Amino acid sequence: MVLQYKKKASLKWKDYPGKVKIEGSVNDYDFRLLSEDRKKVLVEKDNYEKVMKRFRQIEFFKHKS
């Protein structure tokens, strides 16, 4: 999965480098989650907490046997 972010006023999505590498707070950005091949949007534009919650849910069920 690929996590992307953009400033709330911006149009261009970028790959997320991590909390410590972005300028300002995560509250200033929108996030989205894409499939590994970047063809399917798994989570539409939302805040960091909601996107990460869904990311953890997907990872949990992907690795559950």
Protein backbone atom coordinates (compact mmCIF):
# COMPACT_ATOMS: atom_id res chain seq x y z
CA MET A 1 0.00 0.00 0.00
CA VAL A 2 1.10 3.53 -0.70
CA LEU A 3 0.34 6.44 1.63
CA GLN A 4 0.18 9.83 -0.05
CA TYR A 5 -0.30 13.35 1.26
CA LYS A 6 -0.89 16.91 0.06
CA LYS A 7 -1.46 20.33 1.59
CA LYS A 8 -5.17 21.00 2.02
CA ALA A 9 -5.07 23.77 -0.63
CA SER A 10 -2.77 21.90 -3.03
CA LEU A 11 -3.75 19.68 -5.96
CA LYS A 12 -0.70 17.42 -6.30
CA TRP A 13 -0.35 14.23 -4.23
CA LYS A 14 3.11 13.14 -3.02
CA ASP A 15 4.33 9.92 -1.43
CA TYR A 16 4.41 10.26 2.36
CA PRO A 17 8.00 10.32 3.72
CA GLY A 18 7.06 10.15 7.43
CA LYS A 19 5.86 12.52 10.14
CA VAL A 20 9.29 13.93 10.94
CA LYS A 21 10.03 14.85 7.30
CA ILE A 22 6.93 16.94 6.53
CA GLU A 23 6.70 20.63 7.33
CA GLY A 24 4.25 21.55 10.06
CA SER A 25 1.58 19.34 11.58
CA VAL A 26 -0.18 16.39 9.99
CA ASN A 27 -3.40 18.32 10.59
CA ASP A 28 -2.37 20.71 7.77
CA TYR A 29 -2.47 17.88 5.20
CA ASP A 30 -4.90 15.51 3.51
CA PHE A 31 -3.97 11.83 3.19
CA ARG A 32 -5.07 8.93 1.02
CA LEU A 33 -4.17 5.26 0.69
CA LEU A 34 -3.54 3.55 -2.65
CA SER A 35 -3.03 -0.08 -3.61
CA GLU A 36 0.57 -1.22 -4.20
CA ASP A 37 0.24 -0.82 -7.99
CA ARG A 38 -1.35 2.66 -7.45
CA LYS A 39 -4.37 1.78 -9.58
CA LYS A 40 -6.99 1.61 -6.83
CA VAL A 41 -7.74 4.16 -4.12
CA LEU A 42 -8.32 2.25 -0.88
CA VAL A 43 -9.09 5.30 1.27
CA GLU A 44 -10.23 8.59 -0.22
CA LYS A 45 -8.95 11.94 1.03
CA ASP A 46 -9.21 12.05 4.83
CA ASN A 47 -7.25 13.03 7.94
CA TYR A 48 -4.14 11.15 9.09
CA GLU A 49 -5.77 9.27 11.97
CA LYS A 50 -8.61 7.82 9.88
CA VAL A 51 -6.33 6.78 7.01
CA MET A 52 -3.86 5.10 9.39
CA LYS A 53 -6.70 3.32 11.21
CA ARG A 54 -7.87 1.82 7.91
CA PHE A 55 -4.25 0.98 6.95
CA ARG A 56 -3.84 -1.03 10.17
CA GLN A 57 -7.15 -2.83 9.57
CA ILE A 58 -6.10 -3.87 6.08
CA GLU A 59 -2.67 -5.04 7.30
CA PHE A 60 -4.24 -7.05 10.14
CA PHE A 61 -6.57 -8.98 7.84
CA LYS A 62 -3.92 -9.41 5.16
CA HIS A 63 -1.61 -11.22 7.59
CA LYS A 64 -4.27 -13.11 9.53
CA SER A 65 -4.16 -16.82 8.81
